Amino acid sequence: MAVAAACGLAGWLDRCEPQPYVRVEPLLVAEIVVDQAYDRRRFRHPVRHLRLRADLDPADVERWRT
């Protein structure tokens, strides 16, 4: 059990084997709340979903850069 917990990212994944990368096109815009604790290309605390933004098109939003 401890091995599976060590493999996931903050409890989000429960499998140690690599997962396939699937690139998708953005269809919706969501507003989220995050804090500034960003470490090793991921947030250290949960990201909270606020709402979908029907008033925005994905082309109107600047892409996230890592």
PDB file of N, CA and C in Angstrom:
ATOM      1  N   MET A   1       0.826  -1.194   0.000  1.00  0.00           N
ATOM      2  CA  MET A   1       0.000   0.000   0.000  1.00  0.00           C
ATOM      3  C   MET A   1       0.863   1.249   0.000  1.00  0.00           C
ATOM      4  N   ALA A   2       1.926   1.270   0.734  1.00  0.00           N
ATOM      5  CA  ALA A   2       2.792   2.442   0.797  1.00  0.00           C
ATOM      6  C   ALA A   2       3.450   2.717  -0.544  1.00  0.00           C
ATOM      7  N   VAL A   3       3.744   1.678  -1.326  1.00  0.00           N
ATOM      8  CA  VAL A   3       4.364   1.864  -2.630  1.00  0.00           C
ATOM      9  C   VAL A   3       3.412   2.593  -3.566  1.00  0.00           C
ATOM     10  N   ALA A   4       2.146   2.203  -3.604  1.00  0.00           N
ATOM     11  CA  ALA A   4       1.170   2.856  -4.475  1.00  0.00           C
ATOM     12  C   ALA A   4       0.996   4.318  -4.095  1.00  0.00           C
ATOM     13  N   ALA A   5       0.983   4.615  -2.802  1.00  0.00           N
ATOM     14  CA  ALA A   5       0.822   6.004  -2.369  1.00  0.00           C
ATOM     15  C   ALA A   5       2.030   6.837  -2.766  1.00  0.00           C
ATOM     16  N   ALA A   6       3.210   6.247  -2.768  1.00  0.00           N
ATOM     17  CA  ALA A   6       4.416   6.989  -3.121  1.00  0.00           C
ATOM     18  C   ALA A   6       4.488   7.273  -4.610  1.00  0.00           C
ATOM     19  N   CYS A   7       3.797   6.507  -5.434  1.00  0.00           N
ATOM     20  CA  CYS A   7       3.869   6.681  -6.879  1.00  0.00           C
ATOM     21  C   CYS A   7       2.969   7.795  -7.388  1.00  0.00           C
ATOM     22  N   GLY A   8       1.866   8.067  -6.722  1.00  0.00           N
ATOM     23  CA  GLY A   8       0.917   9.055  -7.204  1.00  0.00           C
ATOM     24  C   GLY A   8       1.340  10.479  -6.901  1.00  0.00           C
ATOM     25  N   LEU A   9       0.682  11.426  -7.545  1.00  0.00           N
ATOM     26  CA  LEU A   9       0.921  12.840  -7.290  1.00  0.00           C
ATOM     27  C   LEU A   9      -0.110  13.334  -6.295  1.00  0.00           C
ATOM     28  N   ALA A  10       0.303  13.548  -5.089  1.00  0.00           N
ATOM     29  CA  ALA A  10      -0.566  14.065  -4.031  1.00  0.00           C
ATOM     30  C   ALA A  10      -1.866  13.280  -3.913  1.00  0.00           C
ATOM     31  N   GLY A  11      -1.792  11.954  -4.128  1.00  0.00           N
ATOM     32  CA  GLY A  11      -2.963  11.113  -3.984  1.00  0.00           C
ATOM     33  C   GLY A  11      -3.892  11.104  -5.183  1.00  0.00           C
ATOM     34  N   TRP A  12      -3.512  11.724  -6.284  1.00  0.00           N
ATOM     35  CA  TRP A  12      -4.392  11.789  -7.445  1.00  0.00           C
ATOM     36  C   TRP A  12      -4.296  10.543  -8.306  1.00  0.00           C
ATOM     37  N   LEU A  13      -3.148   9.918  -8.328  1.00  0.00           N
ATOM     38  CA  LEU A  13      -2.957   8.720  -9.136  1.00  0.00           C
ATOM     39  C   LEU A  13      -2.658   7.557  -8.211  1.00  0.00           C
ATOM     40  N   ASP A  14      -3.206   6.412  -8.531  1.00  0.00           N
ATOM     41  CA  ASP A  14      -2.954   5.260  -7.672  1.00  0.00           C
ATOM     42  C   ASP A  14      -2.198   4.163  -8.401  1.00  0.00           C
ATOM     43  N   ARG A  15      -1.655   4.472  -9.583  1.00  0.00           N
ATOM     44  CA  ARG A  15      -0.896   3.485 -10.340  1.00  0.00           C
ATOM     45  C   ARG A  15       0.530   3.982 -10.544  1.00  0.00           C
ATOM     46  N   CYS A  16       1.497   3.074 -10.448  1.00  0.00           N
ATOM     47  CA  CYS A  16       2.900   3.440 -10.608  1.00  0.00           C
ATOM     48  C   CYS A  16       3.350   3.411 -12.068  1.00  0.00           C
ATOM     49  N   GLU A  17       2.677   2.641 -12.918  1.00  0.00           N
ATOM     50  CA  GLU A  17       3.126   2.540 -14.305  1.00  0.00           C
ATOM     51  C   GLU A  17       2.864   3.856 -15.044  1.00  0.00           C
ATOM     52  N   PRO A  18       3.695   4.180 -16.018  1.00  0.00           N
ATOM     53  CA  PRO A  18       3.504   5.414 -16.791  1.00  0.00           C
ATOM     54  C   PRO A  18       2.149   5.419 -17.503  1.00  0.00           C
ATOM     55  N   GLN A  19       1.543   6.567 -17.552  1.00  0.00           N
ATOM     56  CA  GLN A  19       0.261   6.730 -18.226  1.00  0.00           C
ATOM     57  C   GLN A  19       0.494   7.392 -19.577  1.00  0.00           C
ATOM     58  N   PRO A  20      -0.310   7.065 -20.574  1.00  0.00           N
ATOM     59  CA  PRO A  20      -0.105   7.655 -21.898  1.00  0.00           C
ATOM     60  C   PRO A  20      -0.396   9.151 -21.891  1.00  0.00           C
ATOM     61  N   TYR A  21       0.345   9.870 -22.704  1.00  0.00           N
ATOM     62  CA  TYR A  21       0.138  11.308 -22.880  1.00  0.00           C
ATOM     63  C   TYR A  21      -0.838  11.506 -24.029  1.00  0.00           C
ATOM     64  N   VAL A  22      -1.915  12.211 -23.763  1.00  0.00           N
ATOM     65  CA  VAL A  22      -2.928  12.463 -24.788  1.00  0.00           C
ATOM     66  C   VAL A  22      -3.124  13.975 -24.870  1.00  0.00           C
ATOM     67  N   ARG A  23      -2.753  14.549 -25.998  1.00  0.00           N
ATOM     68  CA  ARG A  23      -2.924  15.981 -26.184  1.00  0.00           C
ATOM     69  C   ARG A  23      -4.371  16.260 -26.598  1.00  0.00           C
ATOM     70  N   VAL A  24      -4.983  17.263 -25.995  1.00  0.00           N
ATOM     71  CA  VAL A  24      -6.372  17.609 -26.294  1.00  0.00           C
ATOM     72  C   VAL A  24      -6.464  19.080 -26.676  1.00  0.00           C
ATOM     73  N   GLU A  25      -7.503  19.418 -27.387  1.00  0.00           N
ATOM     74  CA  GLU A  25      -7.783  20.810 -27.727  1.00  0.00           C
ATOM     75  C   GLU A  25      -8.709  21.390 -26.660  1.00  0.00           C
ATOM     76  N   PRO A  26      -8.420  22.596 -26.174  1.00  0.00           N
ATOM     77  CA  PRO A  26      -9.300  23.195 -25.173  1.00  0.00           C
ATOM     78  C   PRO A  26     -10.657  23.566 -25.782  1.00  0.00           C
ATOM     79  N   LEU A  27     -11.721  23.167 -25.117  1.00  0.00           N
ATOM     80  CA  LEU A  27     -13.077  23.468 -25.585  1.00  0.00           C
ATOM     81  C   LEU A  27     -13.811  24.415 -24.648  1.00  0.00           C
ATOM     82  N   LEU A  28     -13.404  24.426 -23.379  1.00  0.00           N
ATOM     83  CA  LEU A  28     -14.066  25.231 -22.361  1.00  0.00           C
ATOM     84  C   LEU A  28     -13.040  26.050 -21.602  1.00  0.00           C
ATOM     85  N   VAL A  29     -13.503  27.098 -20.947  1.00  0.00           N
ATOM     86  CA  VAL A  29     -12.661  27.908 -20.070  1.00  0.00           C
ATOM     87  C   VAL A  29     -13.222  27.781 -18.663  1.00  0.00           C
ATOM     88  N   ALA A  30     -12.363  27.460 -17.713  1.00  0.00           N
ATOM     89  CA  ALA A  30     -12.788  27.346 -16.319  1.00  0.00           C
ATOM     90  C   ALA A  30     -12.009  28.353 -15.479  1.00  0.00           C
ATOM     91  N   GLU A  31     -12.677  28.939 -14.512  1.00  0.00           N
ATOM     92  CA  GLU A  31     -12.036  29.835 -13.557  1.00  0.00           C
ATOM     93  C   GLU A  31     -11.654  29.000 -12.340  1.00  0.00           C
ATOM     94  N   ILE A  32     -10.404  29.124 -11.911  1.00  0.00           N
ATOM     95  CA  ILE A  32      -9.904  28.339 -10.787  1.00  0.00           C
ATOM     96  C   ILE A  32      -9.286  29.253  -9.737  1.00  0.00           C
ATOM     97  N   VAL A  33      -9.095  28.718  -8.544  1.00  0.00           N
ATOM     98  CA  VAL A  33      -8.423  29.425  -7.454  1.00  0.00           C
ATOM     99  C   VAL A  33      -7.206  28.612  -7.062  1.00  0.00           C
ATOM    100  N   VAL A  34      -6.058  29.274  -7.020  1.00  0.00           N
ATOM    101  CA  VAL A  34      -4.816  28.619  -6.611  1.00  0.00           C
ATOM    102  C   VAL A  34      -4.058  29.542  -5.675  1.00  0.00           C
ATOM    103  N   ASP A  35      -3.161  28.963  -4.886  1.00  0.00           N
ATOM    104  CA  ASP A  35      -2.272  29.811  -4.110  1.00  0.00           C
ATOM    105  C   ASP A  35      -0.939  29.898  -4.853  1.00  0.00           C
ATOM    106  N   GLN A  36       0.030  30.521  -4.264  1.00  0.00           N
ATOM    107  CA  GLN A  36       1.305  30.717  -4.953  1.00  0.00           C
ATOM    108  C   GLN A  36       2.314  29.614  -4.672  1.00  0.00           C
ATOM    109  N   ALA A  37       1.916  28.563  -3.997  1.00  0.00           N
ATOM    110  CA  ALA A  37       2.833  27.469  -3.692  1.00  0.00           C
ATOM    111  C   ALA A  37       2.950  26.559  -4.916  1.00  0.00           C
ATOM    112  N   TYR A  38       3.890  26.860  -5.774  1.00  0.00           N
ATOM    113  CA  TYR A  38       4.111  26.119  -7.011  1.00  0.00           C
ATOM    114  C   TYR A  38       5.521  25.559  -6.949  1.00  0.00           C
ATOM    115  N   ASP A  39       5.648  24.239  -7.049  1.00  0.00           N
ATOM    116  CA  ASP A  39       6.946  23.604  -6.868  1.00  0.00           C
ATOM    117  C   ASP A  39       7.069  22.419  -7.808  1.00  0.00           C
ATOM    118  N   ARG A  40       8.186  22.341  -8.503  1.00  0.00           N
ATOM    119  CA  ARG A  40       8.462  21.217  -9.415  1.00  0.00           C
ATOM    120  C   ARG A  40       7.356  21.025 -10.452  1.00  0.00           C
ATOM    121  N   ARG A  41       6.943  22.128 -11.044  1.00  0.00           N
ATOM    122  CA  ARG A  41       5.954  22.143 -12.130  1.00  0.00           C
ATOM    123  C   ARG A  41       4.563  21.676 -11.719  1.00  0.00           C
ATOM    124  N   ARG A  42       4.210  21.817 -10.443  1.00  0.00           N
ATOM    125  CA  ARG A  42       2.860  21.500  -9.994  1.00  0.00           C
ATOM    126  C   ARG A  42       2.544  22.304  -8.735  1.00  0.00           C
ATOM    127  N   PHE A  43       1.251  22.506  -8.479  1.00  0.00           N
ATOM    128  CA  PHE A  43       0.826  23.212  -7.282  1.00  0.00           C
ATOM    129  C   PHE A  43       0.960  22.298  -6.079  1.00  0.00           C
ATOM    130  N   ARG A  44       1.441  22.865  -4.973  1.00  0.00           N
ATOM    131  CA  ARG A  44       1.609  22.058  -3.760  1.00  0.00           C
ATOM    132  C   ARG A  44       0.308  21.893  -2.995  1.00  0.00           C
ATOM    133  N   HIS A  45      -0.680  22.738  -3.275  1.00  0.00           N
ATOM    134  CA  HIS A  45      -1.973  22.653  -2.611  1.00  0.00           C
ATOM    135  C   HIS A  45      -3.059  22.454  -3.661  1.00  0.00           C
ATOM    136  N   PRO A  46      -4.215  21.956  -3.255  1.00  0.00           N
ATOM    137  CA  PRO A  46      -5.269  21.675  -4.236  1.00  0.00           C
ATOM    138  C   PRO A  46      -5.692  22.918  -5.022  1.00  0.00           C
ATOM    139  N   VAL A  47      -6.003  22.704  -6.277  1.00  0.00           N
ATOM    140  CA  VAL A  47      -6.560  23.745  -7.138  1.00  0.00           C
ATOM    141  C   VAL A  47      -8.072  23.608  -7.071  1.00  0.00           C
ATOM    142  N   ARG A  48      -8.767  24.725  -6.811  1.00  0.00           N
ATOM    143  CA  ARG A  48     -10.222  24.674  -6.671  1.00  0.00           C
ATOM    144  C   ARG A  48     -10.907  25.256  -7.902  1.00  0.00           C
ATOM    145  N   HIS A  49     -11.883  24.536  -8.413  1.00  0.00           N
ATOM    146  CA  HIS A  49     -12.678  24.994  -9.549  1.00  0.00           C
ATOM    147  C   HIS A  49     -13.749  25.953  -9.044  1.00  0.00           C
ATOM    148  N   LEU A  50     -13.848  27.135  -9.662  1.00  0.00           N
ATOM    149  CA  LEU A  50     -14.902  28.076  -9.282  1.00  0.00           C
ATOM    150  C   LEU A  50     -16.122  27.964 -10.182  1.00  0.00           C
ATOM    151  N   ARG A  51     -15.886  28.100 -11.496  1.00  0.00           N
ATOM    152  CA  ARG A  51     -17.005  28.061 -12.431  1.00  0.00           C
ATOM    153  C   ARG A  51     -16.508  27.944 -13.855  1.00  0.00           C
ATOM    154  N   LEU A  52     -17.387  27.505 -14.738  1.00  0.00           N
ATOM    155  CA  LEU A  52     -17.107  27.552 -16.161  1.00  0.00           C
ATOM    156  C   LEU A  52     -17.380  28.963 -16.648  1.00  0.00           C
ATOM    157  N   ARG A  53     -16.571  29.426 -17.596  1.00  0.00           N
ATOM    158  CA  ARG A  53     -16.721  30.775 -18.136  1.00  0.00           C
ATOM    159  C   ARG A  53     -17.293  30.698 -19.547  1.00  0.00           C
ATOM    160  N   ALA A  54     -18.611  30.652 -19.650  1.00  0.00           N
ATOM    161  CA  ALA A  54     -19.279  30.581 -20.947  1.00  0.00           C
ATOM    162  C   ALA A  54     -19.073  31.857 -21.761  1.00  0.00           C
ATOM    163  N   ASP A  55     -18.696  32.952 -21.069  1.00  0.00           N
ATOM    164  CA  ASP A  55     -18.483  34.222 -21.754  1.00  0.00           C
ATOM    165  C   ASP A  55     -17.120  34.301 -22.444  1.00  0.00           C
ATOM    166  N   LEU A  56     -16.246  33.318 -22.223  1.00  0.00           N
ATOM    167  CA  LEU A  56     -14.913  33.317 -22.822  1.00  0.00           C
ATOM    168  C   LEU A  56     -14.735  32.129 -23.749  1.00  0.00           C
ATOM    169  N   ASP A  57     -14.007  32.359 -24.808  1.00  0.00           N
ATOM    170  CA  ASP A  57     -13.627  31.299 -25.743  1.00  0.00           C
ATOM    171  C   ASP A  57     -12.192  30.901 -25.407  1.00  0.00           C
ATOM    172  N   PRO A  58     -11.809  29.645 -25.539  1.00  0.00           N
ATOM    173  CA  PRO A  58     -10.429  29.248 -25.245  1.00  0.00           C
ATOM    174  C   PRO A  58      -9.383  30.064 -26.015  1.00  0.00           C
ATOM    175  N   ALA A  59      -9.716  30.541 -27.198  1.00  0.00           N
ATOM    176  CA  ALA A  59      -8.775  31.356 -27.975  1.00  0.00           C
ATOM    177  C   ALA A  59      -8.542  32.723 -27.334  1.00  0.00           C
ATOM    178  N   ASP A  60      -9.438  33.164 -26.458  1.00  0.00           N
ATOM    179  CA  ASP A  60      -9.318  34.462 -25.785  1.00  0.00           C
ATOM    180  C   ASP A  60      -8.386  34.428 -24.580  1.00  0.00           C
ATOM    181  N   VAL A  61      -8.026  33.246 -24.140  1.00  0.00           N
ATOM    182  CA  VAL A  61      -7.249  33.083 -22.903  1.00  0.00           C
ATOM    183  C   VAL A  61      -5.800  32.749 -23.230  1.00  0.00           C
ATOM    184  N   GLU A  62      -4.875  33.417 -22.526  1.00  0.00           N
ATOM    185  CA  GLU A  62      -3.451  33.111 -22.735  1.00  0.00           C
ATOM    186  C   GLU A  62      -3.151  31.708 -22.224  1.00  0.00           C
ATOM    187  N   ARG A  63      -2.394  30.953 -23.009  1.00  0.00           N
ATOM    188  CA  ARG A  63      -2.032  29.575 -22.631  1.00  0.00           C
ATOM    189  C   ARG A  63      -1.098  29.577 -21.435  1.00  0.00           C
ATOM    190  N   TRP A  64      -1.236  28.537 -20.608  1.00  0.00           N
ATOM    191  CA  TRP A  64      -0.382  28.340 -19.429  1.00  0.00           C
ATOM    192  C   TRP A  64       1.014  27.982 -19.900  1.00  0.00           C
ATOM    193  N   ARG A  65       2.006  28.635 -19.345  1.00  0.00           N
ATOM    194  CA  ARG A  65       3.400  28.332 -19.686  1.00  0.00           C
ATOM    195  C   ARG A  65       4.101  27.757 -18.469  1.00  0.00           C
ATOM    196  N   THR A  66       4.837  26.693 -18.679  1.00  0.00           N
ATOM    197  CA  THR A  66       5.564  26.089 -17.554  1.00  0.00           C
ATOM    198  C   THR A  66       7.027  26.404 -17.660  1.00  0.00           C
TER     199      THR A  66
END
